[in-house]
C-alpha atoms as a PDB file:
ATOM      1  CA  MET A   1    -192.736  31.881 -15.126  1.00  0.00           C
ATOM      2  CA  SER A   2    -194.370  34.345 -17.649  1.00  0.00           C
ATOM      3  CA  ALA A   3    -195.565  36.562 -14.878  1.00  0.00           C
ATOM      4  CA  TRP A   4    -191.931  36.868 -13.622  1.00  0.00           C
ATOM      5  CA  CYS A   5    -190.745  37.571 -17.101  1.00  0.00           C
ATOM      6  CA  ALA A   6    -193.447  40.337 -17.590  1.00  0.00           C
ATOM      7  CA  ALA A   7    -192.515  41.922 -14.192  1.00  0.00           C
ATOM      8  CA  PHE A   8    -188.796  41.953 -15.115  1.00  0.00           C
ATOM      9  CA  ALA A   9    -189.501  43.395 -18.596  1.00  0.00           C
ATOM     10  CA  LEU A  10    -191.933  46.019 -17.269  1.00  0.00           C
ATOM     11  CA  MET A  11    -189.780  47.345 -14.617  1.00  0.00           C
ATOM     12  CA  PHE A  12    -186.626  47.172 -16.934  1.00  0.00           C
ATOM     13  CA  PHE A  13    -188.310  49.314 -19.607  1.00  0.00           C
ATOM     14  CA  LEU A  14    -189.774  51.610 -16.765  1.00  0.00           C
ATOM     15  CA  ASP A  15    -186.262  52.453 -15.647  1.00  0.00           C
ATOM     16  CA  ILE A  16    -185.311  53.310 -19.297  1.00  0.00           C
ATOM     17  CA  TRP A  17    -188.329  55.412 -19.574  1.00  0.00           C
ATOM     18  CA  TRP A  18    -187.587  57.290 -16.361  1.00  0.00           C
ATOM     19  CA  ALA A  19    -184.233  58.294 -17.931  1.00  0.00           C
ATOM     20  CA  LEU A  20    -186.045  59.605 -21.059  1.00  0.00           C
ATOM     21  CA  TYR A  21    -188.675  61.437 -18.991  1.00  0.00           C
ATOM     22  CA  THR A  22    -185.925  63.038 -16.932  1.00  0.00           C
ATOM     23  CA  GLN A  23    -183.897  64.027 -20.062  1.00  0.00           C
ATOM     24  CA  ALA A  24    -187.200  65.646 -21.479  1.00  0.00           C
ATOM     25  CA  MET A  25    -187.744  67.510 -18.336  1.00  0.00           C
ATOM     26  CA  VAL A  26    -184.114  68.932 -18.257  1.00  0.00           C
ATOM     27  CA  ALA A  27    -184.647  69.899 -21.987  1.00  0.00           C
ATOM     28  CA  SER A  28    -187.825  71.733 -21.133  1.00  0.00           C
ATOM     29  CA  ARG A  29    -189.870  69.661 -23.564  1.00  0.00           C
ATOM     30  CA  PRO A  30    -193.268  69.592 -21.899  1.00  0.00           C
ATOM     31  CA  LEU A  31    -195.232  67.493 -24.308  1.00  0.00           C
ATOM     32  CA  LEU A  32    -192.525  64.865 -24.567  1.00  0.00           C
ATOM     33  CA  ALA A  33    -192.143  64.709 -20.836  1.00  0.00           C
ATOM     34  CA  SER A  34    -195.806  64.361 -20.262  1.00  0.00           C
ATOM     35  CA  THR A  35    -196.035  61.508 -22.910  1.00  0.00           C
ATOM     36  CA  TRP A  36    -193.188  59.710 -21.006  1.00  0.00           C
ATOM     37  CA  ALA A  37    -194.927  60.482 -17.704  1.00  0.00           C
ATOM     38  CA  THR A  38    -198.145  58.890 -18.998  1.00  0.00           C
ATOM     39  CA  ALA A  39    -196.577  55.822 -20.304  1.00  0.00           C
ATOM     40  CA  ILE A  40    -194.771  55.346 -17.040  1.00  0.00           C
ATOM     41  CA  GLN A  41    -197.972  55.694 -15.063  1.00  0.00           C
ATOM     42  CA  LEU A  42    -199.757  53.211 -17.288  1.00  0.00           C
ATOM     43  CA  PHE A  43    -197.071  50.518 -17.000  1.00  0.00           C
ATOM     44  CA  ASN A  44    -196.415  51.149 -13.466  1.00  0.00           C
ATOM     45  CA  GLY A  45    -199.945  50.607 -12.662  1.00  0.00           C
ATOM     46  CA  ALA A  46    -200.078  47.302 -14.739  1.00  0.00           C
ATOM     47  CA  LEU A  47    -197.115  46.220 -12.693  1.00  0.00           C
ATOM     48  CA  VAL A  48    -198.620  47.077  -9.335  1.00  0.00           C
ATOM     49  CA  LEU A  49    -201.701  45.146 -10.171  1.00  0.00           C
ATOM     50  CA  LYS A  50    -199.555  42.201 -10.922  1.00  0.00           C
ATOM     51  CA  TYR A  51    -197.687  42.177  -7.653  1.00  0.00           C
ATOM     52  CA  THR A  52    -200.736  42.916  -5.611  1.00  0.00           C
ATOM     53  CA  ASP A  53    -201.839  39.375  -6.598  1.00  0.00           C
ATOM     54  CA  ASP A  54    -198.427  37.721  -6.243  1.00  0.00           C
ATOM     55  CA  PRO A  55    -195.852  39.679  -3.880  1.00  0.00           C
ATOM     56  CA  TYR A  56    -193.182  37.218  -5.091  1.00  0.00           C
ATOM     57  CA  LEU A  57    -193.276  39.433  -8.229  1.00  0.00           C
ATOM     58  CA  LEU A  58    -191.270  42.050  -6.459  1.00  0.00           C
ATOM     59  CA  ILE A  59    -188.249  39.878  -7.060  1.00  0.00           C
ATOM     60  CA  PRO A  60    -188.079  40.027 -10.770  1.00  0.00           C
ATOM     61  CA  ALA A  61    -189.511  43.581 -10.639  1.00  0.00           C
ATOM     62  CA  CYS A  62    -186.350  44.633  -8.378  1.00  0.00           C
ATOM     63  CA  ALA A  63    -184.103  42.624 -10.822  1.00  0.00           C
ATOM     64  CA  GLY A  64    -185.619  44.542 -13.878  1.00  0.00           C
ATOM     65  CA  ALA A  65    -185.039  47.869 -12.100  1.00  0.00           C
ATOM     66  CA  PHE A  66    -181.426  46.946 -11.276  1.00  0.00           C
ATOM     67  CA  ALA A  67    -180.948  45.901 -14.899  1.00  0.00           C
ATOM     68  CA  GLY A  68    -182.852  48.911 -16.407  1.00  0.00           C
ATOM     69  CA  THR A  69    -180.803  51.495 -14.395  1.00  0.00           C
ATOM     70  CA  TRP A  70    -177.586  49.691 -15.105  1.00  0.00           C
ATOM     71  CA  VAL A  71    -178.104  49.636 -18.723  1.00  0.00           C
ATOM     72  CA  VAL A  72    -178.845  53.498 -18.747  1.00  0.00           C
ATOM     73  CA  THR A  73    -176.162  54.341 -16.469  1.00  0.00           C
ATOM     74  CA  SER A  74    -173.423  52.168 -17.656  1.00  0.00           C
ATOM     75  CA  GLY A  75    -173.635  53.744 -21.275  1.00  0.00           C
ATOM     76  CA  ARG A  76    -175.246  50.818 -23.083  1.00  0.00           C
ATOM     77  CA  LEU A  77    -178.117  52.906 -24.149  1.00  0.00           C
ATOM     78  CA  ARG A  78    -176.279  56.041 -24.646  1.00  0.00           C
ATOM     79  CA  SER A  79    -176.605  56.218 -28.488  1.00  0.00           C
ATOM     80  CA  GLY A  80    -180.482  55.939 -28.010  1.00  0.00           C
ATOM     81  CA  LEU A  81    -180.559  58.716 -25.424  1.00  0.00           C
ATOM     82  CA  GLU A  82    -178.337  60.937 -27.518  1.00  0.00           C
ATOM     83  CA  TRP A  83    -180.468  60.369 -30.660  1.00  0.00           C
ATOM     84  CA  CYS A  84    -183.541  61.458 -28.386  1.00  0.00           C
ATOM     85  CA  ARG A  85    -181.746  64.439 -26.977  1.00  0.00           C
ATOM     86  CA  ASP A  86    -180.657  65.539 -30.508  1.00  0.00           C
ATOM     87  CA  ARG A  87    -184.089  64.915 -31.906  1.00  0.00           C
ATOM     88  CA  TYR A  88    -186.107  66.881 -29.353  1.00  0.00           C
ATOM     89  CA  ARG A  89    -183.898  69.914 -28.885  1.00  0.00           C
ATOM     90  CA  PRO A  90    -185.191  73.235 -27.793  1.00  0.00           C
ATOM     91  CA  GLY A  91    -187.467  74.886 -30.637  1.00  0.00           C
ATOM     92  CA  SER A  92    -188.497  71.523 -31.977  1.00  0.00           C
ATOM     93  CA  ASP A  93    -192.386  70.778 -32.031  1.00  0.00           C
ATOM     94  CA  ILE A  94    -192.420  68.445 -29.386  1.00  0.00           C
END
């Protein structure tokens, strides 16, 4: 059961991080976007290694992807994304 929870959580956060990565790309923040890309690749690799051993882990991974995308697009995460956008505006160090 813990592997299912881990697969769900990894994909949930990966979807949120993809949104932050996309926002950093649109804002032309190369260092921030590169940092998000690195985190995404690291955690995505961990998830792939998990469901390579147990293909049934794709079920919670897909549920996590659905939930993560829903949270971002429904506005539930809007304040966090706006904080990130305001913090890393053009001309900042990152």
